[in-house]
PDB file of N, CA and C in Angstrom:
ATOM      1  N   UNK A   1      -1.579   4.369  10.004  1.00  0.00           N
ATOM      2  CA  UNK A   1      -1.519   3.973   8.749  1.00  0.00           C
ATOM      3  C   UNK A   1      -2.387   5.632   7.830  1.00  0.00           C
ATOM      4  N   UNK A   2      -1.408   6.726   7.504  1.00  0.00           N
ATOM      5  CA  UNK A   2      -2.310   7.798   6.773  1.00  0.00           C
ATOM      6  C   UNK A   2      -2.022   7.363   5.587  1.00  0.00           C
ATOM      7  N   UNK A   3      -2.810   7.809   5.133  1.00  0.00           N
ATOM      8  CA  UNK A   3      -2.354   8.197   3.402  1.00  0.00           C
ATOM      9  C   UNK A   3      -1.939   9.698   3.606  1.00  0.00           C
ATOM     10  N   UNK A   4      -0.791   9.136   2.655  1.00  0.00           N
ATOM     11  CA  UNK A   4       0.585   9.942   1.413  1.00  0.00           C
ATOM     12  C   UNK A   4       0.067  10.271   0.366  1.00  0.00           C
ATOM     13  N   UNK A   5       0.229  11.945   0.580  1.00  0.00           N
ATOM     14  CA  UNK A   5      -0.115  13.218  -0.361  1.00  0.00           C
ATOM     15  C   UNK A   5       0.722  13.069  -1.425  1.00  0.00           C
ATOM     16  N   UNK A   6       0.071  12.346  -2.217  1.00  0.00           N
ATOM     17  CA  UNK A   6       1.223  11.864  -3.187  1.00  0.00           C
ATOM     18  C   UNK A   6       1.025  13.906  -4.405  1.00  0.00           C
ATOM     19  N   UNK A   7      -0.200  14.292  -4.395  1.00  0.00           N
ATOM     20  CA  UNK A   7       0.171  15.262  -5.636  1.00  0.00           C
ATOM     21  C   UNK A   7       0.889  16.529  -5.118  1.00  0.00           C
ATOM     22  N   UNK A   8       1.039  16.045  -4.090  1.00  0.00           N
ATOM     23  CA  UNK A   8       2.346  17.824  -3.753  1.00  0.00           C
ATOM     24  C   UNK A   8       4.011  17.005  -3.715  1.00  0.00           C
ATOM     25  N   UNK A   9       4.160  16.229  -4.094  1.00  0.00           N
ATOM     26  CA  UNK A   9       5.700  16.191  -4.369  1.00  0.00           C
ATOM     27  C   UNK A   9       5.875  16.352  -5.407  1.00  0.00           C
ATOM     28  N   UNK A  10       7.014  16.262  -5.549  1.00  0.00           N
ATOM     29  CA  UNK A  10       7.166  17.116  -7.295  1.00  0.00           C
ATOM     30  C   UNK A  10       7.765  15.753  -7.457  1.00  0.00           C
ATOM     31  N   UNK A  11       8.441  16.017  -8.795  1.00  0.00           N
ATOM     32  CA  UNK A  11       8.284  15.558 -10.033  1.00  0.00           C
ATOM     33  C   UNK A  11       9.691  14.490  -9.869  1.00  0.00           C
ATOM     34  N   UNK A  12      10.262  14.992  -8.930  1.00  0.00           N
ATOM     35  CA  UNK A  12      11.901  14.184  -8.274  1.00  0.00           C
ATOM     36  C   UNK A  12      11.490  13.194  -7.857  1.00  0.00           C
ATOM     37  N   UNK A  13      10.569  13.431  -6.785  1.00  0.00           N
ATOM     38  CA  UNK A  13      10.149  12.657  -5.429  1.00  0.00           C
ATOM     39  C   UNK A  13       9.290  11.381  -6.211  1.00  0.00           C
ATOM     40  N   UNK A  14       8.690  11.788  -7.463  1.00  0.00           N
ATOM     41  CA  UNK A  14       7.425  11.358  -7.135  1.00  0.00           C
ATOM     42  C   UNK A  14       8.479   9.837  -8.694  1.00  0.00           C
ATOM     43  N   UNK A  15       9.175  10.357  -9.440  1.00  0.00           N
ATOM     44  CA  UNK A  15      10.425   9.546  -9.878  1.00  0.00           C
ATOM     45  C   UNK A  15      10.977   9.376  -9.033  1.00  0.00           C
ATOM     46  N   UNK A  16      11.462   9.093  -7.730  1.00  0.00           N
ATOM     47  CA  UNK A  16      12.896   8.500  -6.827  1.00  0.00           C
ATOM     48  C   UNK A  16      11.979   7.602  -6.314  1.00  0.00           C
ATOM     49  N   UNK A  17      10.117   7.856  -5.510  1.00  0.00           N
ATOM     50  CA  UNK A  17       9.169   6.346  -5.371  1.00  0.00           C
ATOM     51  C   UNK A  17       9.002   5.601  -6.925  1.00  0.00           C
ATOM     52  N   UNK A  18       8.913   5.792  -7.439  1.00  0.00           N
ATOM     53  CA  UNK A  18       8.120   4.522  -8.975  1.00  0.00           C
ATOM     54  C   UNK A  18      10.082   3.784  -8.912  1.00  0.00           C
ATOM     55  N   UNK A  19      10.575   4.690  -8.972  1.00  0.00           N
ATOM     56  CA  UNK A  19      11.704   3.633  -8.701  1.00  0.00           C
ATOM     57  C   UNK A  19      11.376   2.850  -7.526  1.00  0.00           C
ATOM     58  N   UNK A  20      12.452   3.530  -6.848  1.00  0.00           N
ATOM     59  CA  UNK A  20      12.007   2.167  -5.409  1.00  0.00           C
ATOM     60  C   UNK A  20      10.675   1.155  -5.567  1.00  0.00           C
ATOM     61  N   UNK A  21       9.927   1.499  -6.652  1.00  0.00           N
ATOM     62  CA  UNK A  21       8.764   0.250  -5.688  1.00  0.00           C
ATOM     63  C   UNK A  21       8.699  -0.766  -7.215  1.00  0.00           C
ATOM     64  N   UNK A  22       9.410  -0.519  -8.796  1.00  0.00           N
ATOM     65  CA  UNK A  22       9.006  -1.152  -9.494  1.00  0.00           C
ATOM     66  C   UNK A  22       8.319  -0.382 -10.516  1.00  0.00           C
ATOM     67  N   UNK A  23       7.790   0.814 -10.250  1.00  0.00           N
ATOM     68  CA  UNK A  23       7.130   1.431 -11.030  1.00  0.00           C
ATOM     69  C   UNK A  23       7.778   2.396 -11.584  1.00  0.00           C
ATOM     70  N   UNK A  24       7.504   2.555 -13.258  1.00  0.00           N
ATOM     71  CA  UNK A  24       8.083   2.801 -14.601  1.00  0.00           C
ATOM     72  C   UNK A  24       7.788   4.227 -13.492  1.00  0.00           C
ATOM     73  N   UNK A  25       8.872   5.473 -13.834  1.00  0.00           N
ATOM     74  CA  UNK A  25       8.127   7.038 -13.578  1.00  0.00           C
ATOM     75  C   UNK A  25       8.408   7.760 -14.704  1.00  0.00           C
ATOM     76  N   UNK A  26       8.563   7.108 -15.865  1.00  0.00           N
ATOM     77  CA  UNK A  26       8.640   8.104 -17.930  1.00  0.00           C
ATOM     78  C   UNK A  26       7.451   7.266 -18.528  1.00  0.00           C
ATOM     79  N   UNK A  27       6.806   7.813 -19.446  1.00  0.00           N
ATOM     80  CA  UNK A  27       6.356   7.692 -20.318  1.00  0.00           C
ATOM     81  C   UNK A  27       7.275   8.430 -21.821  1.00  0.00           C
ATOM     82  N   UNK A  28       5.715   8.454 -21.730  1.00  0.00           N
ATOM     83  CA  UNK A  28       7.034   8.325 -23.498  1.00  0.00           C
ATOM     84  C   UNK A  28       6.118   9.475 -24.442  1.00  0.00           C
ATOM     85  N   UNK A  29       6.403  11.054 -24.924  1.00  0.00           N
ATOM     86  CA  UNK A  29       5.158  11.963 -24.629  1.00  0.00           C
ATOM     87  C   UNK A  29       4.276  11.217 -25.973  1.00  0.00           C
ATOM     88  N   UNK A  30       5.169  10.985 -27.156  1.00  0.00           N
ATOM     89  CA  UNK A  30       4.589   9.983 -28.041  1.00  0.00           C
ATOM     90  C   UNK A  30       4.632   8.959 -28.097  1.00  0.00           C
ATOM     91  N   UNK A  31       4.349   8.569 -29.159  1.00  0.00           N
ATOM     92  CA  UNK A  31       4.168   6.211 -29.044  1.00  0.00           C
ATOM     93  C   UNK A  31       5.138   6.904 -29.937  1.00  0.00           C
ATOM     94  N   UNK A  32       6.547   6.165 -29.986  1.00  0.00           N
ATOM     95  CA  UNK A  32       7.452   5.657 -30.729  1.00  0.00           C
ATOM     96  C   UNK A  32       8.817   6.931 -31.046  1.00  0.00           C
ATOM     97  N   UNK A  33       8.075   7.959 -30.611  1.00  0.00           N
ATOM     98  CA  UNK A  33       8.909   9.165 -30.337  1.00  0.00           C
ATOM     99  C   UNK A  33      10.613   8.786 -29.006  1.00  0.00           C
ATOM    100  N   UNK A  34      11.236   8.278 -29.362  1.00  0.00           N
ATOM    101  CA  UNK A  34      12.350   8.203 -28.038  1.00  0.00           C
ATOM    102  C   UNK A  34      13.126   9.320 -27.794  1.00  0.00           C
ATOM    103  N   UNK A  35      12.120  10.530 -28.014  1.00  0.00           N
ATOM    104  CA  UNK A  35      13.529  11.458 -27.347  1.00  0.00           C
ATOM    105  C   UNK A  35      13.000  12.608 -26.733  1.00  0.00           C
ATOM    106  N   UNK A  36      11.880  12.734 -26.049  1.00  0.00           N
ATOM    107  CA  UNK A  36      10.472  13.196 -25.324  1.00  0.00           C
ATOM    108  C   UNK A  36       9.781  12.523 -24.840  1.00  0.00           C
ATOM    109  N   UNK A  37      10.007  12.477 -23.458  1.00  0.00           N
ATOM    110  CA  UNK A  37      10.270  12.016 -22.114  1.00  0.00           C
ATOM    111  C   UNK A  37       8.415  12.429 -21.379  1.00  0.00           C
ATOM    112  N   UNK A  38       8.292  12.360 -20.238  1.00  0.00           N
ATOM    113  CA  UNK A  38       7.491  12.408 -19.366  1.00  0.00           C
ATOM    114  C   UNK A  38       6.945  12.536 -17.217  1.00  0.00           C
ATOM    115  N   UNK A  39       7.278  13.062 -16.875  1.00  0.00           N
ATOM    116  CA  UNK A  39       7.032  12.069 -15.558  1.00  0.00           C
ATOM    117  C   UNK A  39       4.972  11.828 -16.272  1.00  0.00           C
ATOM    118  N   UNK A  40       4.703  10.628 -15.467  1.00  0.00           N
ATOM    119  CA  UNK A  40       3.519  10.136 -15.823  1.00  0.00           C
ATOM    120  C   UNK A  40       2.663  11.030 -14.549  1.00  0.00           C
ATOM    121  N   UNK A  41       2.687  11.067 -14.474  1.00  0.00           N
ATOM    122  CA  UNK A  41       2.114  11.363 -12.145  1.00  0.00           C
ATOM    123  C   UNK A  41       0.955  11.119 -11.552  1.00  0.00           C
ATOM    124  N   UNK A  42      -0.123  11.249 -12.621  1.00  0.00           N
ATOM    125  CA  UNK A  42      -1.747  10.327 -12.875  1.00  0.00           C
ATOM    126  C   UNK A  42      -1.331   8.989 -12.519  1.00  0.00           C
ATOM    127  N   UNK A  43      -0.135   8.482 -13.016  1.00  0.00           N
ATOM    128  CA  UNK A  43      -0.303   7.263 -13.684  1.00  0.00           C
ATOM    129  C   UNK A  43       0.838   6.519 -12.561  1.00  0.00           C
ATOM    130  N   UNK A  44       1.759   7.394 -11.661  1.00  0.00           N
ATOM    131  CA  UNK A  44       2.220   6.457 -10.723  1.00  0.00           C
ATOM    132  C   UNK A  44       1.581   7.563  -9.441  1.00  0.00           C
ATOM    133  N   UNK A  45       0.914   8.167  -9.432  1.00  0.00           N
ATOM    134  CA  UNK A  45      -0.210   8.383  -7.717  1.00  0.00           C
ATOM    135  C   UNK A  45      -0.754   7.039  -8.163  1.00  0.00           C
ATOM    136  N   UNK A  46      -1.613   6.567  -9.208  1.00  0.00           N
ATOM    137  CA  UNK A  46      -2.755   5.639  -9.271  1.00  0.00           C
ATOM    138  C   UNK A  46      -1.236   4.443  -8.559  1.00  0.00           C
ATOM    139  N   UNK A  47      -0.480   3.954  -8.997  1.00  0.00           N
ATOM    140  CA  UNK A  47       0.079   2.734  -8.612  1.00  0.00           C
ATOM    141  C   UNK A  47       0.380   2.726  -6.962  1.00  0.00           C
ATOM    142  N   UNK A  48       0.397   4.039  -6.736  1.00  0.00           N
ATOM    143  CA  UNK A  48       1.404   3.626  -5.465  1.00  0.00           C
ATOM    144  C   UNK A  48      -0.677   3.898  -4.369  1.00  0.00           C
ATOM    145  N   UNK A  49      -0.812   4.963  -5.014  1.00  0.00           N
ATOM    146  CA  UNK A  49      -2.250   4.510  -4.245  1.00  0.00           C
ATOM    147  C   UNK A  49      -2.957   3.383  -3.901  1.00  0.00           C
ATOM    148  N   UNK A  50      -3.218   2.605  -5.015  1.00  0.00           N
ATOM    149  CA  UNK A  50      -3.334   0.873  -4.964  1.00  0.00           C
ATOM    150  C   UNK A  50      -2.246   0.374  -3.581  1.00  0.00           C
ATOM    151  N   UNK A  51      -1.290   0.816  -4.078  1.00  0.00           N
ATOM    152  CA  UNK A  51       0.590  -0.874  -3.604  1.00  0.00           C
ATOM    153  C   UNK A  51       0.014  -0.356  -1.918  1.00  0.00           C
ATOM    154  N   UNK A  52      -0.974   1.039  -1.776  1.00  0.00           N
ATOM    155  CA  UNK A  52      -0.844   1.370  -0.656  1.00  0.00           C
ATOM    156  C   UNK A  52      -1.882   0.875   0.438  1.00  0.00           C
ATOM    157  N   UNK A  53      -3.201   0.640  -0.764  1.00  0.00           N
ATOM    158  CA  UNK A  53      -4.348   0.790   0.067  1.00  0.00           C
ATOM    159  C   UNK A  53      -4.619  -1.717   0.088  1.00  0.00           C
ATOM    160  N   UNK A  54      -3.006  -1.912  -0.913  1.00  0.00           N
ATOM    161  CA  UNK A  54      -3.215  -3.401  -0.990  1.00  0.00           C
ATOM    162  C   UNK A  54      -2.403  -3.947   0.783  1.00  0.00           C
ATOM    163  N   UNK A  55      -1.616  -2.610   0.397  1.00  0.00           N
ATOM    164  CA  UNK A  55      -0.758  -2.902   2.230  1.00  0.00           C
ATOM    165  C   UNK A  55      -1.518  -3.110   3.811  1.00  0.00           C
ATOM    166  N   UNK A  56      -2.567  -1.812   3.217  1.00  0.00           N
ATOM    167  CA  UNK A  56      -3.356  -1.352   4.447  1.00  0.00           C
ATOM    168  C   UNK A  56      -4.825  -2.728   4.790  1.00  0.00           C
ATOM    169  N   UNK A  57      -4.711  -2.939   3.603  1.00  0.00           N
ATOM    170  CA  UNK A  57      -5.886  -4.617   4.124  1.00  0.00           C
ATOM    171  C   UNK A  57      -5.350  -4.831   3.854  1.00  0.00           C
ATOM    172  N   UNK A  58      -4.360  -5.557   4.049  1.00  0.00           N
ATOM    173  CA  UNK A  58      -2.657  -7.164   4.759  1.00  0.00           C
ATOM    174  C   UNK A  58      -2.245  -7.040   6.042  1.00  0.00           C
ATOM    175  N   UNK A  59      -2.551  -5.029   6.577  1.00  0.00           N
ATOM    176  CA  UNK A  59      -2.996  -4.884   7.426  1.00  0.00           C
ATOM    177  C   UNK A  59      -4.309  -5.792   8.426  1.00  0.00           C
ATOM    178  N   UNK A  60      -4.888  -4.590   8.149  1.00  0.00           N
ATOM    179  CA  UNK A  60      -6.145  -5.118   8.209  1.00  0.00           C
ATOM    180  C   UNK A  60      -6.733  -6.834   9.111  1.00  0.00           C
ATOM    181  N   UNK A  61      -6.048  -7.523   8.233  1.00  0.00           N
ATOM    182  CA  UNK A  61      -5.915  -9.052   8.291  1.00  0.00           C
ATOM    183  C   UNK A  61      -5.637  -9.376   9.405  1.00  0.00           C
ATOM    184  N   UNK A  62      -4.064  -8.537   8.703  1.00  0.00           N
ATOM    185  CA  UNK A  62      -3.703  -8.940  10.533  1.00  0.00           C
ATOM    186  C   UNK A  62      -4.196  -9.358  11.912  1.00  0.00           C
ATOM    187  N   UNK A  63      -4.255  -7.863  12.319  1.00  0.00           N
ATOM    188  CA  UNK A  63      -5.705  -7.389  13.065  1.00  0.00           C
ATOM    189  C   UNK A  63      -6.471  -8.264  12.595  1.00  0.00           C
ATOM    190  N   UNK A  64      -7.032  -8.350  11.985  1.00  0.00           N
ATOM    191  CA  UNK A  64      -8.728  -9.316  11.889  1.00  0.00           C
ATOM    192  C   UNK A  64      -8.094 -10.695  12.641  1.00  0.00           C
ATOM    193  N   UNK A  65      -7.189 -11.216  12.283  1.00  0.00           N
ATOM    194  CA  UNK A  65      -6.915 -12.185  13.195  1.00  0.00           C
ATOM    195  C   UNK A  65      -6.417 -13.692  14.537  1.00  0.00           C
ATOM    196  N   UNK A  66      -5.576 -12.203  14.137  1.00  0.00           N
ATOM    197  CA  UNK A  66      -4.692 -11.692  15.688  1.00  0.00           C
ATOM    198  C   UNK A  66      -6.145 -12.256  16.698  1.00  0.00           C
ATOM    199  N   UNK A  67      -7.278 -10.457  16.610  1.00  0.00           N
ATOM    200  CA  UNK A  67      -8.284 -10.630  17.477  1.00  0.00           C
ATOM    201  C   UNK A  67      -9.206 -12.249  17.806  1.00  0.00           C
ATOM    202  N   UNK A  68      -8.954 -12.866  16.555  1.00  0.00           N
ATOM    203  CA  UNK A  68      -9.540 -13.518  16.305  1.00  0.00           C
ATOM    204  C   UNK A  68      -9.185 -14.799  17.463  1.00  0.00           C
ATOM    205  N   UNK A  69      -7.906 -14.411  16.710  1.00  0.00           N
ATOM    206  CA  UNK A  69      -6.960 -15.831  18.434  1.00  0.00           C
ATOM    207  C   UNK A  69      -7.113 -15.374  19.578  1.00  0.00           C
ATOM    208  N   UNK A  70      -7.110 -14.920  19.762  1.00  0.00           N
ATOM    209  CA  UNK A  70      -7.043 -13.690  21.297  1.00  0.00           C
ATOM    210  C   UNK A  70      -8.311 -14.316  21.997  1.00  0.00           C
ATOM    211  N   UNK A  71      -9.625 -14.518  20.874  1.00  0.00           N
ATOM    212  CA  UNK A  71     -11.185 -13.954  21.182  1.00  0.00           C
ATOM    213  C   UNK A  71     -10.898 -15.475  21.941  1.00  0.00           C
ATOM    214  N   UNK A  72     -10.364 -16.395  20.878  1.00  0.00           N
ATOM    215  CA  UNK A  72     -10.843 -17.960  20.932  1.00  0.00           C
ATOM    216  C   UNK A  72      -9.855 -18.493  22.717  1.00  0.00           C
ATOM    217  N   UNK A  73      -8.662 -18.191  23.083  1.00  0.00           N
ATOM    218  CA  UNK A  73      -8.032 -18.184  24.413  1.00  0.00           C
ATOM    219  C   UNK A  73      -8.717 -17.875  25.350  1.00  0.00           C
ATOM    220  N   UNK A  74     -10.109 -16.250  25.362  1.00  0.00           N
ATOM    221  CA  UNK A  74      -9.819 -15.949  26.216  1.00  0.00           C
ATOM    222  C   UNK A  74     -11.468 -17.206  26.309  1.00  0.00           C
ATOM    223  N   UNK A  75     -11.840 -17.272  25.665  1.00  0.00           N
ATOM    224  CA  UNK A  75     -13.080 -17.960  25.692  1.00  0.00           C
ATOM    225  C   UNK A  75     -13.038 -19.316  26.708  1.00  0.00           C
ATOM    226  N   UNK A  76     -11.298 -20.293  25.619  1.00  0.00           N
ATOM    227  CA  UNK A  76     -10.945 -21.202  26.354  1.00  0.00           C
ATOM    228  C   UNK A  76     -10.662 -20.524  27.544  1.00  0.00           C
ATOM    229  N   UNK A  77     -10.114 -20.285  27.651  1.00  0.00           N
ATOM    230  CA  UNK A  77      -9.572 -20.387  29.919  1.00  0.00           C
ATOM    231  C   UNK A  77     -10.738 -18.933  30.055  1.00  0.00           C
ATOM    232  N   UNK A  78     -11.556 -18.495  29.674  1.00  0.00           N
ATOM    233  CA  UNK A  78     -12.765 -18.551  31.276  1.00  0.00           C
ATOM    234  C   UNK A  78     -13.833 -20.158  31.675  1.00  0.00           C
ATOM    235  N   UNK A  79     -13.678 -20.897  29.957  1.00  0.00           N
ATOM    236  CA  UNK A  79     -14.740 -22.461  29.842  1.00  0.00           C
ATOM    237  C   UNK A  79     -13.134 -23.304  31.268  1.00  0.00           C
ATOM    238  N   UNK A  80     -12.461 -22.933  31.484  1.00  0.00           N
ATOM    239  CA  UNK A  80     -11.463 -23.897  31.952  1.00  0.00           C
ATOM    240  C   UNK A  80     -11.466 -23.109  33.119  1.00  0.00           C
ATOM    241  N   UNK A  81     -11.781 -22.111  33.584  1.00  0.00           N
ATOM    242  CA  UNK A  81     -11.553 -21.860  34.882  1.00  0.00           C
ATOM    243  C   UNK A  81     -12.833 -22.634  35.436  1.00  0.00           C
ATOM    244  N   UNK A  82     -14.259 -22.165  34.429  1.00  0.00           N
ATOM    245  CA  UNK A  82     -15.541 -22.394  34.781  1.00  0.00           C
ATOM    246  C   UNK A  82     -15.424 -23.542  35.263  1.00  0.00           C
ATOM    247  N   UNK A  83     -15.571 -25.024  34.464  1.00  0.00           N
ATOM    248  CA  UNK A  83     -15.688 -26.355  34.603  1.00  0.00           C
ATOM    249  C   UNK A  83     -15.414 -26.454  36.184  1.00  0.00           C
ATOM    250  N   UNK A  84     -14.347 -25.935  36.880  1.00  0.00           N
ATOM    251  CA  UNK A  84     -13.946 -26.477  38.257  1.00  0.00           C
ATOM    252  C   UNK A  84     -15.259 -27.166  39.167  1.00  0.00           C
TER     253      UNK A  84
END
């Protein structure tokens, strides 16, 4: 789970990723002027980075719970064999 280098991507690649993850990739250059748009790179990258961080924390939680369950099973098995 490595951090992606979003800054090295082209505007088209960021536009595609933004659309894929429901991040509006286009911003009005002047509020109210419907004719001038641009790809808002910093906003897209900030939202993609936040999305990646949230997904990574979910995996950390899953791995922590799995480790806890395995530890409990190991203790239970060792107690079961030591009771004899």
